[in-house]
Structure formats: structure tokens, C-alpha cells
Amino acid sequence: MPLLCGILGLIRVCLILFCFKNISYPCLSFAQWVVCSLPLSVKILSNGAIFPAQCCPSPYHGYPGGLNISIPEDKQGNVEWIYEQIDKKVVEGGNAGRMGTWVLPANMNLIYSLTAFGVDLCEGKTDIDDLEYLKDTFRREYGVELSFRLLPKVQEGEEV
């Protein structure tokens, strides 16, 4: 297994060094992105390659460092500002429409939305099983439409 990982790592380095235009470079795992994000995003931008999205759901993941975007203290957590900066760098680099990121940082969205849902739950505004209220909470907090699927409940005394 270590040999295979080494070979795959070498292939990834070659892809970074010889990043070709009109080839898509998806990042399929967190480990690949952590190791390759900065050089890969720089090469993709400079060579006009296609980059659909990074593996983890956040615009903060790799782009600021790879695109040389420093985030001032007063802009930390300002998602709209980081999108504007990423867009600006990608357009300046001549790769508009060829690089992508997630619509919103999922971890931040989950924390804010589930906290709001929990507060409403404690205040008696909703029930724990109210899926529509949960969807509305996500919509209120981030303005996005999400799809949820509840798994079947295990009944008391039922074997799993």
C-alpha cells in the first residue's frame, strides 16, 4: 500500500508540473487536496486547465493560499468577500468559467443552521422531527435550498 500511495503521489506531482489546458483535474480526496492544493490551483490557473471543485465543501479550502489571497482580520468568515477575491484572481488569470468551488462552506452552514434549529427547538417553535422546519432554517440562514432524507427510526425494543 505505501508503494501504491507513493506512485499515486508521483503521478499527482507530474499532473501538477505538466498541467494541460482543457483537461479537468478533480480532487477526489482530502489527502490529495492537502498535499496538492496550492501548486495545483496555481498551475490550473496559469495553464488554463479545468478545475470543477475541491474535495471539501468550502471556498476557504486551498484557494486563498494557492491564489495568493490574504484574508484580513476584518474579512475572516466573510464568505461573499472571499468569493469576490477568488473570482477576481480567476478572471485576472484568464480562467473564468473553468474553475469552481462550493456554493457555501458546508461546515459553517451546518453550525449556524443547526444551532438556529436547536434554539428554536428549545424555545418550542419546532419539533425534533420537523424536516420542513429544518429545511426552512437552512434556507433562512444561508438562502439555499437543501434536500434531506430521514433514515427510518428504530422502534423501542427493536434490534438493529
N, C-alpha and C. Protein backbone atom coordinates (compact mmCIF):
# COMPACT_ATOMS: atom_id res chain seq x y z
N MET A 1 0.82 -1.21 0.00
CA MET A 1 0.00 0.00 0.00
C MET A 1 0.86 1.27 0.00
N PRO A 2 1.91 1.37 0.82
CA PRO A 2 2.74 2.59 0.77
C PRO A 2 3.34 2.83 -0.61
N LEU A 3 3.72 1.75 -1.30
CA LEU A 3 4.28 1.90 -2.64
C LEU A 3 3.24 2.48 -3.58
N LEU A 4 2.01 1.98 -3.50
CA LEU A 4 0.92 2.47 -4.34
C LEU A 4 0.66 3.96 -4.06
N CYS A 5 0.64 4.32 -2.77
CA CYS A 5 0.44 5.73 -2.42
C CYS A 5 1.57 6.59 -2.96
N GLY A 6 2.79 6.10 -2.91
CA GLY A 6 3.93 6.83 -3.45
C GLY A 6 3.81 7.02 -4.94
N ILE A 7 3.39 5.98 -5.65
CA ILE A 7 3.23 6.05 -7.10
C ILE A 7 2.12 7.05 -7.46
N LEU A 8 1.00 6.96 -6.73
CA LEU A 8 -0.10 7.89 -6.99
C LEU A 8 0.33 9.32 -6.69
N GLY A 9 1.12 9.51 -5.65
CA GLY A 9 1.65 10.83 -5.33
C GLY A 9 2.53 11.37 -6.43
N LEU A 10 3.36 10.50 -7.00
CA LEU A 10 4.24 10.89 -8.10
C LEU A 10 3.43 11.28 -9.34
N ILE A 11 2.40 10.51 -9.61
CA ILE A 11 1.53 10.83 -10.74
C ILE A 11 0.89 12.20 -10.52
N ARG A 12 0.45 12.46 -9.30
CA ARG A 12 -0.17 13.74 -8.98
C ARG A 12 0.83 14.89 -9.19
N VAL A 13 2.07 14.70 -8.77
CA VAL A 13 3.10 15.72 -8.95
C VAL A 13 3.32 15.98 -10.44
N CYS A 14 3.36 14.92 -11.23
CA CYS A 14 3.52 15.09 -12.69
C CYS A 14 2.34 15.85 -13.28
N LEU A 15 1.14 15.56 -12.81
CA LEU A 15 -0.03 16.28 -13.29
C LEU A 15 0.08 17.76 -12.96
N ILE A 16 0.63 18.06 -11.79
CA ILE A 16 0.80 19.46 -11.39
C ILE A 16 1.84 20.13 -12.28
N LEU A 17 2.95 19.46 -12.47
CA LEU A 17 4.03 20.06 -13.27
C LEU A 17 3.64 20.25 -14.73
N PHE A 18 2.87 19.31 -15.25
CA PHE A 18 2.52 19.34 -16.67
C PHE A 18 1.01 19.51 -16.85
N CYS A 19 0.45 20.43 -16.08
CA CYS A 19 -0.99 20.69 -16.10
C CYS A 19 -1.40 21.21 -17.48
N PHE A 20 -2.24 20.47 -18.18
CA PHE A 20 -2.58 20.81 -19.56
C PHE A 20 -3.93 21.51 -19.66
N LYS A 21 -4.02 22.41 -20.62
CA LYS A 21 -5.26 23.12 -20.90
C LYS A 21 -6.32 22.12 -21.35
N ASN A 22 -7.57 22.42 -21.00
CA ASN A 22 -8.74 21.64 -21.40
C ASN A 22 -8.78 20.24 -20.80
N ILE A 23 -8.01 20.00 -19.75
CA ILE A 23 -8.12 18.75 -19.02
C ILE A 23 -8.64 19.08 -17.63
N SER A 24 -9.60 18.29 -17.17
CA SER A 24 -10.20 18.52 -15.86
C SER A 24 -9.39 17.81 -14.79
N TYR A 25 -9.12 18.52 -13.71
CA TYR A 25 -8.36 17.98 -12.59
C TYR A 25 -9.22 17.95 -11.34
N PRO A 26 -10.05 16.92 -11.19
CA PRO A 26 -10.87 16.85 -9.97
C PRO A 26 -10.00 16.41 -8.80
N CYS A 27 -10.29 16.92 -7.65
CA CYS A 27 -9.59 16.47 -6.44
C CYS A 27 -10.53 15.52 -5.72
N LEU A 28 -10.17 14.29 -5.64
CA LEU A 28 -11.08 13.26 -5.16
C LEU A 28 -10.98 12.97 -3.68
N SER A 29 -9.93 13.41 -3.04
CA SER A 29 -9.82 13.11 -1.61
C SER A 29 -9.15 14.26 -0.89
N PHE A 30 -9.42 14.35 0.38
CA PHE A 30 -8.85 15.39 1.22
C PHE A 30 -7.33 15.31 1.21
N ALA A 31 -6.78 14.11 1.27
CA ALA A 31 -5.32 13.95 1.30
C ALA A 31 -4.70 14.51 0.03
N GLN A 32 -5.30 14.23 -1.12
CA GLN A 32 -4.77 14.77 -2.38
C GLN A 32 -4.80 16.29 -2.36
N TRP A 33 -5.90 16.84 -1.88
CA TRP A 33 -6.05 18.29 -1.90
C TRP A 33 -5.07 18.94 -0.94
N VAL A 34 -4.91 18.40 0.25
CA VAL A 34 -4.00 18.99 1.23
C VAL A 34 -2.58 19.03 0.68
N VAL A 35 -2.16 17.96 0.05
CA VAL A 35 -0.80 17.88 -0.49
C VAL A 35 -0.64 18.74 -1.73
N CYS A 36 -1.67 18.81 -2.54
CA CYS A 36 -1.52 19.42 -3.87
C CYS A 36 -2.24 20.74 -4.08
N SER A 37 -3.02 21.20 -3.12
CA SER A 37 -3.91 22.33 -3.39
C SER A 37 -3.21 23.59 -3.86
N LEU A 38 -2.16 23.98 -3.20
CA LEU A 38 -1.51 25.24 -3.58
C LEU A 38 -0.87 25.15 -4.96
N PRO A 39 0.02 24.17 -5.19
CA PRO A 39 0.62 24.13 -6.53
C PRO A 39 -0.39 23.78 -7.63
N LEU A 40 -1.37 22.96 -7.31
CA LEU A 40 -2.34 22.56 -8.32
C LEU A 40 -3.21 23.75 -8.73
N SER A 41 -3.70 24.52 -7.78
CA SER A 41 -4.55 25.66 -8.14
C SER A 41 -3.76 26.71 -8.92
N VAL A 42 -2.49 26.91 -8.58
CA VAL A 42 -1.65 27.86 -9.31
C VAL A 42 -1.46 27.39 -10.75
N LYS A 43 -1.12 26.12 -10.95
CA LYS A 43 -0.88 25.59 -12.30
C LYS A 43 -2.17 25.55 -13.12
N ILE A 44 -3.27 25.17 -12.49
CA ILE A 44 -4.54 25.14 -13.21
C ILE A 44 -4.88 26.53 -13.71
N LEU A 45 -4.69 27.53 -12.85
CA LEU A 45 -4.98 28.90 -13.24
C LEU A 45 -4.04 29.37 -14.36
N SER A 46 -2.76 29.15 -14.19
CA SER A 46 -1.79 29.66 -15.17
C SER A 46 -1.83 28.91 -16.51
N ASN A 47 -2.24 27.64 -16.50
CA ASN A 47 -2.25 26.86 -17.74
C ASN A 47 -3.63 26.72 -18.37
N GLY A 48 -4.65 27.30 -17.75
CA GLY A 48 -5.99 27.27 -18.34
C GLY A 48 -6.67 25.92 -18.27
N ALA A 49 -6.32 25.11 -17.28
CA ALA A 49 -6.98 23.81 -17.13
C ALA A 49 -8.36 23.99 -16.48
N ILE A 50 -9.05 22.90 -16.31
CA ILE A 50 -10.40 22.92 -15.74
C ILE A 50 -10.33 22.32 -14.34
N PHE A 51 -10.95 23.00 -13.39
CA PHE A 51 -10.97 22.52 -12.01
C PHE A 51 -12.39 22.64 -11.47
N PRO A 52 -13.17 21.54 -11.49
CA PRO A 52 -14.58 21.61 -11.10
C PRO A 52 -14.80 22.08 -9.65
N ALA A 53 -14.10 21.49 -8.71
CA ALA A 53 -14.25 21.89 -7.29
C ALA A 53 -13.28 21.09 -6.45
N GLN A 54 -12.91 21.67 -5.35
CA GLN A 54 -12.06 20.95 -4.43
C GLN A 54 -12.88 19.92 -3.65
N CYS A 55 -12.19 19.02 -2.94
CA CYS A 55 -12.88 17.89 -2.31
C CYS A 55 -13.75 18.31 -1.13
N CYS A 56 -13.30 19.25 -0.35
CA CYS A 56 -14.03 19.65 0.84
C CYS A 56 -14.91 20.86 0.55
N PRO A 57 -16.08 20.88 1.13
CA PRO A 57 -17.07 21.91 0.78
C PRO A 57 -16.79 23.26 1.40
N SER A 58 -15.82 23.99 0.86
CA SER A 58 -15.55 25.33 1.36
C SER A 58 -14.67 26.11 0.39
N PRO A 59 -15.03 27.36 0.13
CA PRO A 59 -14.17 28.19 -0.71
C PRO A 59 -12.85 28.54 -0.02
N TYR A 60 -12.77 28.33 1.27
CA TYR A 60 -11.54 28.62 2.02
C TYR A 60 -10.50 27.52 1.85
N HIS A 61 -10.90 26.41 1.28
CA HIS A 61 -10.04 25.23 1.21
C HIS A 61 -9.12 25.30 -0.01
N GLY A 62 -7.91 25.81 0.17
CA GLY A 62 -6.91 25.81 -0.88
C GLY A 62 -6.82 27.06 -1.72
N TYR A 63 -7.94 27.63 -2.10
CA TYR A 63 -7.89 28.78 -3.00
C TYR A 63 -7.17 30.00 -2.41
N PRO A 64 -7.46 30.42 -1.19
CA PRO A 64 -6.76 31.60 -0.69
C PRO A 64 -5.24 31.46 -0.77
N GLY A 65 -4.69 30.35 -0.33
CA GLY A 65 -3.25 30.14 -0.39
C GLY A 65 -2.73 29.99 -1.80
N GLY A 66 -3.43 29.19 -2.60
CA GLY A 66 -2.99 28.94 -3.98
C GLY A 66 -3.10 30.16 -4.87
N LEU A 67 -4.07 31.00 -4.62
CA LEU A 67 -4.27 32.19 -5.45
C LEU A 67 -3.67 33.43 -4.81
N ASN A 68 -2.94 33.23 -3.73
CA ASN A 68 -2.24 34.31 -3.04
C ASN A 68 -3.20 35.39 -2.52
N ILE A 69 -4.27 34.93 -1.90
CA ILE A 69 -5.25 35.84 -1.32
C ILE A 69 -5.03 35.87 0.19
N SER A 70 -4.67 37.02 0.71
CA SER A 70 -4.55 37.12 2.16
C SER A 70 -5.88 37.66 2.70
N ILE A 71 -6.32 37.08 3.78
CA ILE A 71 -7.62 37.44 4.35
C ILE A 71 -7.39 38.33 5.57
N PRO A 72 -7.74 39.61 5.46
CA PRO A 72 -7.56 40.49 6.61
C PRO A 72 -8.47 40.06 7.76
N GLU A 73 -8.09 40.44 8.94
CA GLU A 73 -8.83 40.02 10.13
C GLU A 73 -10.31 40.42 10.05
N ASP A 74 -10.60 41.60 9.52
CA ASP A 74 -12.00 42.05 9.47
C ASP A 74 -12.81 41.34 8.38
N LYS A 75 -12.16 40.53 7.54
CA LYS A 75 -12.86 39.80 6.47
C LYS A 75 -12.96 38.30 6.76
N GLN A 76 -12.37 37.84 7.86
CA GLN A 76 -12.42 36.42 8.19
C GLN A 76 -13.88 36.01 8.44
N GLY A 77 -14.29 34.95 7.78
CA GLY A 77 -15.66 34.46 7.90
C GLY A 77 -16.62 35.16 6.95
N ASN A 78 -16.16 36.12 6.17
CA ASN A 78 -17.00 36.84 5.22
C ASN A 78 -16.95 36.08 3.89
N VAL A 79 -17.91 35.20 3.71
CA VAL A 79 -17.93 34.31 2.55
C VAL A 79 -18.05 35.08 1.24
N GLU A 80 -18.92 36.08 1.20
CA GLU A 80 -19.09 36.86 -0.03
C GLU A 80 -17.78 37.53 -0.43
N TRP A 81 -17.04 38.04 0.55
CA TRP A 81 -15.77 38.70 0.25
C TRP A 81 -14.79 37.71 -0.35
N ILE A 82 -14.68 36.49 0.21
CA ILE A 82 -13.72 35.51 -0.32
C ILE A 82 -14.12 35.08 -1.73
N TYR A 83 -15.43 34.95 -1.99
CA TYR A 83 -15.87 34.64 -3.36
C TYR A 83 -15.43 35.73 -4.33
N GLU A 84 -15.61 36.99 -3.94
CA GLU A 84 -15.21 38.11 -4.79
C GLU A 84 -13.71 38.05 -5.09
N GLN A 85 -12.91 37.73 -4.08
CA GLN A 85 -11.45 37.68 -4.26
C GLN A 85 -11.05 36.52 -5.17
N ILE A 86 -11.68 35.36 -4.96
CA ILE A 86 -11.40 34.20 -5.82
C ILE A 86 -11.78 34.52 -7.26
N ASP A 87 -12.99 35.07 -7.45
CA ASP A 87 -13.45 35.44 -8.79
C ASP A 87 -12.46 36.39 -9.47
N LYS A 88 -12.05 37.40 -8.72
CA LYS A 88 -11.13 38.40 -9.26
C LYS A 88 -9.83 37.74 -9.74
N LYS A 89 -9.26 36.86 -8.91
CA LYS A 89 -8.00 36.20 -9.27
C LYS A 89 -8.17 35.28 -10.48
N VAL A 90 -9.28 34.56 -10.52
CA VAL A 90 -9.52 33.63 -11.63
C VAL A 90 -9.73 34.40 -12.93
N VAL A 91 -10.48 35.50 -12.89
CA VAL A 91 -10.70 36.33 -14.08
C VAL A 91 -9.38 36.96 -14.52
N GLU A 92 -8.62 37.50 -13.56
CA GLU A 92 -7.31 38.10 -13.89
C GLU A 92 -6.38 37.06 -14.53
N GLY A 93 -6.48 35.82 -14.09
CA GLY A 93 -5.64 34.76 -14.62
C GLY A 93 -6.14 34.19 -15.94
N GLY A 94 -7.28 34.69 -16.44
CA GLY A 94 -7.80 34.25 -17.73
C GLY A 94 -8.46 32.88 -17.71
N ASN A 95 -8.94 32.46 -16.54
CA ASN A 95 -9.53 31.13 -16.44
C ASN A 95 -10.99 31.17 -15.95
N ALA A 96 -11.68 32.27 -16.25
CA ALA A 96 -13.08 32.40 -15.84
C ALA A 96 -13.93 31.28 -16.44
N GLY A 97 -14.83 30.75 -15.65
CA GLY A 97 -15.73 29.70 -16.11
C GLY A 97 -15.10 28.32 -16.14
N ARG A 98 -13.86 28.19 -15.69
CA ARG A 98 -13.15 26.91 -15.77
C ARG A 98 -12.74 26.39 -14.40
N MET A 99 -12.99 27.18 -13.36
CA MET A 99 -12.64 26.75 -12.00
C MET A 99 -13.87 26.93 -11.13
N GLY A 100 -14.07 26.00 -10.20
CA GLY A 100 -15.26 26.06 -9.37
C GLY A 100 -14.94 25.89 -7.90
N THR A 101 -15.93 26.19 -7.10
CA THR A 101 -15.86 25.93 -5.67
C THR A 101 -17.27 25.66 -5.19
N TRP A 102 -17.40 25.33 -3.96
CA TRP A 102 -18.70 25.03 -3.38
C TRP A 102 -19.49 26.31 -3.21
N VAL A 103 -20.81 26.20 -3.22
CA VAL A 103 -21.69 27.34 -3.09
C VAL A 103 -21.51 28.04 -1.74
N LEU A 104 -21.23 27.28 -0.73
CA LEU A 104 -21.03 27.83 0.60
C LEU A 104 -20.17 26.87 1.40
N PRO A 105 -19.53 27.37 2.44
CA PRO A 105 -18.75 26.47 3.29
C PRO A 105 -19.71 25.62 4.12
N ALA A 106 -19.79 24.35 3.81
CA ALA A 106 -20.79 23.47 4.43
C ALA A 106 -20.65 23.39 5.95
N ASN A 107 -19.43 23.35 6.45
CA ASN A 107 -19.27 23.23 7.91
C ASN A 107 -19.82 24.44 8.63
N MET A 108 -19.55 25.64 8.10
CA MET A 108 -20.11 26.85 8.71
C MET A 108 -21.63 26.84 8.63
N ASN A 109 -22.16 26.44 7.47
CA ASN A 109 -23.60 26.40 7.29
C ASN A 109 -24.24 25.45 8.29
N LEU A 110 -23.65 24.28 8.46
CA LEU A 110 -24.20 23.31 9.40
C LEU A 110 -24.21 23.85 10.82
N ILE A 111 -23.12 24.48 11.23
CA ILE A 111 -23.03 25.01 12.59
C ILE A 111 -24.09 26.09 12.81
N TYR A 112 -24.15 27.08 11.90
CA TYR A 112 -25.13 28.17 12.07
C TYR A 112 -26.56 27.67 12.00
N SER A 113 -26.87 26.87 10.99
CA SER A 113 -28.24 26.43 10.78
C SER A 113 -28.71 25.47 11.86
N LEU A 114 -27.88 24.53 12.24
CA LEU A 114 -28.29 23.58 13.27
C LEU A 114 -28.37 24.24 14.64
N THR A 115 -27.54 25.25 14.89
CA THR A 115 -27.65 26.00 16.14
C THR A 115 -28.97 26.75 16.17
N ALA A 116 -29.31 27.41 15.07
CA ALA A 116 -30.59 28.13 15.00
C ALA A 116 -31.75 27.17 15.18
N PHE A 117 -31.66 26.00 14.57
CA PHE A 117 -32.71 24.98 14.71
C PHE A 117 -32.80 24.53 16.17
N GLY A 118 -31.65 24.32 16.80
CA GLY A 118 -31.62 23.89 18.20
C GLY A 118 -32.22 24.93 19.13
N VAL A 119 -31.93 26.20 18.88
CA VAL A 119 -32.52 27.28 19.70
C VAL A 119 -34.03 27.27 19.53
N ASP A 120 -34.49 27.19 18.28
CA ASP A 120 -35.93 27.15 18.03
C ASP A 120 -36.57 25.92 18.67
N LEU A 121 -35.89 24.82 18.65
CA LEU A 121 -36.38 23.60 19.29
C LEU A 121 -36.54 23.81 20.79
N CYS A 122 -35.52 24.40 21.42
CA CYS A 122 -35.57 24.66 22.86
C CYS A 122 -36.66 25.67 23.23
N GLU A 123 -36.93 26.59 22.32
CA GLU A 123 -37.97 27.59 22.57
C GLU A 123 -39.36 27.09 22.21
N GLY A 124 -39.46 25.83 21.78
CA GLY A 124 -40.76 25.23 21.48
C GLY A 124 -41.36 25.64 20.14
N LYS A 125 -40.55 26.21 19.26
CA LYS A 125 -41.06 26.65 17.95
C LYS A 125 -41.14 25.51 16.94
N THR A 126 -40.50 24.38 17.23
CA THR A 126 -40.49 23.26 16.30
C THR A 126 -40.34 21.95 17.08
N ASP A 127 -40.46 20.86 16.36
CA ASP A 127 -40.24 19.53 16.93
C ASP A 127 -38.98 18.95 16.30
N ILE A 128 -38.36 18.02 16.98
CA ILE A 128 -37.12 17.40 16.50
C ILE A 128 -37.30 16.71 15.15
N ASP A 129 -38.51 16.26 14.85
CA ASP A 129 -38.77 15.53 13.61
C ASP A 129 -39.29 16.41 12.47
N ASP A 130 -39.36 17.70 12.67
CA ASP A 130 -39.95 18.59 11.67
C ASP A 130 -38.95 18.91 10.56
N LEU A 131 -38.94 18.07 9.55
CA LEU A 131 -38.00 18.20 8.44
C LEU A 131 -38.21 19.48 7.66
N GLU A 132 -39.45 19.88 7.46
CA GLU A 132 -39.73 21.11 6.72
C GLU A 132 -39.20 22.33 7.47
N TYR A 133 -39.33 22.33 8.79
CA TYR A 133 -38.80 23.45 9.58
C TYR A 133 -37.27 23.48 9.48
N LEU A 134 -36.65 22.30 9.49
CA LEU A 134 -35.20 22.22 9.35
C LEU A 134 -34.76 22.78 7.99
N LYS A 135 -35.47 22.40 6.93
CA LYS A 135 -35.18 22.94 5.60
C LYS A 135 -35.33 24.46 5.58
N ASP A 136 -36.40 24.95 6.21
CA ASP A 136 -36.63 26.40 6.27
C ASP A 136 -35.51 27.10 7.04
N THR A 137 -35.01 26.45 8.07
CA THR A 137 -33.92 27.04 8.85
C THR A 137 -32.67 27.20 7.98
N PHE A 138 -32.32 26.17 7.22
CA PHE A 138 -31.17 26.28 6.31
C PHE A 138 -31.41 27.38 5.27
N ARG A 139 -32.61 27.45 4.77
CA ARG A 139 -32.96 28.46 3.77
C ARG A 139 -32.83 29.87 4.38
N ARG A 140 -33.31 30.02 5.61
CA ARG A 140 -33.23 31.32 6.31
C ARG A 140 -31.79 31.72 6.58
N GLU A 141 -30.99 30.78 7.04
CA GLU A 141 -29.62 31.09 7.44
C GLU A 141 -28.70 31.35 6.26
N TYR A 142 -28.88 30.62 5.17
CA TYR A 142 -27.95 30.73 4.04
C TYR A 142 -28.59 30.95 2.69
N GLY A 143 -29.90 30.97 2.65
CA GLY A 143 -30.54 31.25 1.38
C GLY A 143 -30.37 30.17 0.34
N VAL A 144 -30.18 28.93 0.79
CA VAL A 144 -30.03 27.83 -0.16
C VAL A 144 -31.11 26.78 0.09
N GLU A 145 -31.47 26.12 -0.97
CA GLU A 145 -32.44 25.04 -0.90
C GLU A 145 -31.67 23.74 -0.74
N LEU A 146 -31.95 23.00 0.30
CA LEU A 146 -31.27 21.73 0.53
C LEU A 146 -32.26 20.58 0.47
N SER A 147 -31.73 19.42 0.22
CA SER A 147 -32.54 18.21 0.18
C SER A 147 -32.11 17.31 1.34
N PHE A 148 -33.07 16.84 2.10
CA PHE A 148 -32.79 15.96 3.23
C PHE A 148 -33.55 14.66 3.06
N ARG A 149 -33.02 13.64 3.64
CA ARG A 149 -33.71 12.35 3.68
C ARG A 149 -33.53 11.78 5.07
N LEU A 150 -34.65 11.55 5.75
CA LEU A 150 -34.58 10.96 7.08
C LEU A 150 -34.46 9.45 6.96
N LEU A 151 -33.61 8.88 7.77
CA LEU A 151 -33.48 7.43 7.83
C LEU A 151 -34.59 6.88 8.72
N PRO A 152 -34.99 5.65 8.51
CA PRO A 152 -36.06 5.08 9.34
C PRO A 152 -35.65 5.08 10.82
N LYS A 153 -36.64 5.30 11.66
CA LYS A 153 -36.41 5.27 13.10
C LYS A 153 -36.37 3.83 13.58
N VAL A 154 -35.60 3.61 14.59
CA VAL A 154 -35.59 2.30 15.26
C VAL A 154 -36.61 2.40 16.40
N GLN A 155 -37.53 1.50 16.43
CA GLN A 155 -38.55 1.50 17.49
C GLN A 155 -37.96 0.92 18.77
N GLU A 156 -38.47 1.38 19.89
CA GLU A 156 -38.01 0.90 21.18
C GLU A 156 -38.12 -0.63 21.25
N GLY A 157 -37.04 -1.26 21.64
CA GLY A 157 -37.00 -2.71 21.75
C GLY A 157 -36.67 -3.42 20.45
N GLU A 158 -36.59 -2.69 19.37
CA GLU A 158 -36.29 -3.28 18.07
C GLU A 158 -34.78 -3.49 17.91
N GLU A 159 -34.41 -4.63 17.34
CA GLU A 159 -33.00 -4.93 17.09
C GLU A 159 -32.53 -4.16 15.86
N VAL A 160 -31.29 -3.73 15.89
CA VAL A 160 -30.72 -3.04 14.72
C VAL A 160 -29.84 -3.98 13.97
